[in-house]
């Protein structure tokens, strides 16, 4: 009996799963319309660093103020 159920389960599995949606990636391999200069790259990286590291640096710089129990 378990063998018959296994065969039925294998045949019914694709029907129960339904249709599979194929996903496509949108990859463009063309060159950029405008070249980004080194100054713009440096400003962008600087801003990202400031945004990410700024708040944690502020907290670490004022850690003693946060430890006070008043």
C-alpha atoms as a PDB file:
ATOM      1  CA  UNK A   1       0.000   0.000   0.000  1.00  0.00           C
ATOM      2  CA  UNK A   2       2.762   2.575   0.743  1.00  0.00           C
ATOM      3  CA  UNK A   3       4.196   1.986  -2.743  1.00  0.00           C
ATOM      4  CA  UNK A   4       0.905   2.871  -4.403  1.00  0.00           C
ATOM      5  CA  UNK A   5       0.608   6.079  -2.354  1.00  0.00           C
ATOM      6  CA  UNK A   6       4.150   7.074  -3.297  1.00  0.00           C
ATOM      7  CA  UNK A   7       3.409   6.672  -7.009  1.00  0.00           C
ATOM      8  CA  UNK A   8       0.207   8.688  -6.684  1.00  0.00           C
ATOM      9  CA  UNK A   9       1.980  11.400  -4.732  1.00  0.00           C
ATOM     10  CA  UNK A  10       4.734  11.705  -7.360  1.00  0.00           C
ATOM     11  CA  UNK A  11       2.202  12.031 -10.149  1.00  0.00           C
ATOM     12  CA  UNK A  12      -0.039  14.472  -8.272  1.00  0.00           C
ATOM     13  CA  UNK A  13       2.762  16.757  -7.041  1.00  0.00           C
ATOM     14  CA  UNK A  14       3.207  18.782 -10.288  1.00  0.00           C
ATOM     15  CA  UNK A  15      -0.549  19.290 -10.552  1.00  0.00           C
ATOM     16  CA  UNK A  16      -0.818  20.501  -6.968  1.00  0.00           C
ATOM     17  CA  UNK A  17       2.084  22.948  -7.338  1.00  0.00           C
ATOM     18  CA  UNK A  18       0.412  24.874 -10.127  1.00  0.00           C
ATOM     19  CA  UNK A  19       2.202  26.883 -12.770  1.00  0.00           C
ATOM     20  CA  UNK A  20       5.708  28.072 -12.077  1.00  0.00           C
ATOM     21  CA  UNK A  21       6.374  31.712 -12.931  1.00  0.00           C
ATOM     22  CA  UNK A  22       9.661  32.208 -14.745  1.00  0.00           C
ATOM     23  CA  UNK A  23      11.618  35.203 -13.473  1.00  0.00           C
ATOM     24  CA  UNK A  24      13.772  37.259 -15.782  1.00  0.00           C
ATOM     25  CA  UNK A  25      16.515  39.610 -14.767  1.00  0.00           C
ATOM     26  CA  UNK A  26      16.730  43.005 -16.394  1.00  0.00           C
ATOM     27  CA  UNK A  27      20.413  43.370 -17.141  1.00  0.00           C
ATOM     28  CA  UNK A  28      21.612  46.113 -19.438  1.00  0.00           C
ATOM     29  CA  UNK A  29      25.099  45.815 -20.871  1.00  0.00           C
ATOM     30  CA  UNK A  30      25.249  49.135 -22.656  1.00  0.00           C
ATOM     31  CA  UNK A  31      27.849  51.724 -21.660  1.00  0.00           C
ATOM     32  CA  UNK A  32      26.630  54.539 -19.396  1.00  0.00           C
ATOM     33  CA  UNK A  33      25.161  57.673 -20.941  1.00  0.00           C
ATOM     34  CA  UNK A  34      27.443  59.933 -18.890  1.00  0.00           C
ATOM     35  CA  UNK A  35      30.736  59.112 -17.236  1.00  0.00           C
ATOM     36  CA  UNK A  36      31.006  59.756 -13.515  1.00  0.00           C
ATOM     37  CA  UNK A  37      34.148  61.621 -12.556  1.00  0.00           C
ATOM     38  CA  UNK A  38      36.479  60.977  -9.658  1.00  0.00           C
ATOM     39  CA  UNK A  39      35.246  64.073  -7.767  1.00  0.00           C
ATOM     40  CA  UNK A  40      31.631  62.924  -7.939  1.00  0.00           C
ATOM     41  CA  UNK A  41      32.649  59.438  -6.824  1.00  0.00           C
ATOM     42  CA  UNK A  42      34.595  60.833  -3.861  1.00  0.00           C
ATOM     43  CA  UNK A  43      31.678  63.073  -2.818  1.00  0.00           C
ATOM     44  CA  UNK A  44      29.232  60.175  -3.071  1.00  0.00           C
ATOM     45  CA  UNK A  45      31.401  57.824  -1.019  1.00  0.00           C
ATOM     46  CA  UNK A  46      32.034  60.565   1.534  1.00  0.00           C
ATOM     47  CA  UNK A  47      28.325  61.223   1.948  1.00  0.00           C
ATOM     48  CA  UNK A  48      27.513  57.544   2.357  1.00  0.00           C
ATOM     49  CA  UNK A  49      30.281  57.191   4.939  1.00  0.00           C
ATOM     50  CA  UNK A  50      29.051  60.236   6.841  1.00  0.00           C
ATOM     51  CA  UNK A  51      25.449  59.036   6.806  1.00  0.00           C
ATOM     52  CA  UNK A  52      26.339  55.540   7.982  1.00  0.00           C
ATOM     53  CA  UNK A  53      29.182  56.290  10.420  1.00  0.00           C
ATOM     54  CA  UNK A  54      28.038  59.719  11.663  1.00  0.00           C
ATOM     55  CA  UNK A  55      25.356  58.645  14.158  1.00  0.00           C
ATOM     56  CA  UNK A  56      27.487  55.876  15.650  1.00  0.00           C
ATOM     57  CA  UNK A  57      30.435  58.263  15.963  1.00  0.00           C
ATOM     58  CA  UNK A  58      28.216  60.805  17.716  1.00  0.00           C
ATOM     59  CA  UNK A  59      27.061  58.193  20.225  1.00  0.00           C
ATOM     60  CA  UNK A  60      30.607  56.999  20.894  1.00  0.00           C
ATOM     61  CA  UNK A  61      31.858  60.580  21.311  1.00  0.00           C
ATOM     62  CA  UNK A  62      29.131  61.351  23.858  1.00  0.00           C
ATOM     63  CA  UNK A  63      29.171  58.005  25.652  1.00  0.00           C
ATOM     64  CA  UNK A  64      30.160  59.536  28.997  1.00  0.00           C
ATOM     65  CA  UNK A  65      27.178  61.896  28.832  1.00  0.00           C
ATOM     66  CA  UNK A  66      24.860  58.934  28.323  1.00  0.00           C
ATOM     67  CA  UNK A  67      26.359  57.051  31.288  1.00  0.00           C
ATOM     68  CA  UNK A  68      25.458  59.832  33.756  1.00  0.00           C
ATOM     69  CA  UNK A  69      22.449  58.988  35.890  1.00  0.00           C
ATOM     70  CA  UNK A  70      20.651  62.238  36.575  1.00  0.00           C
END
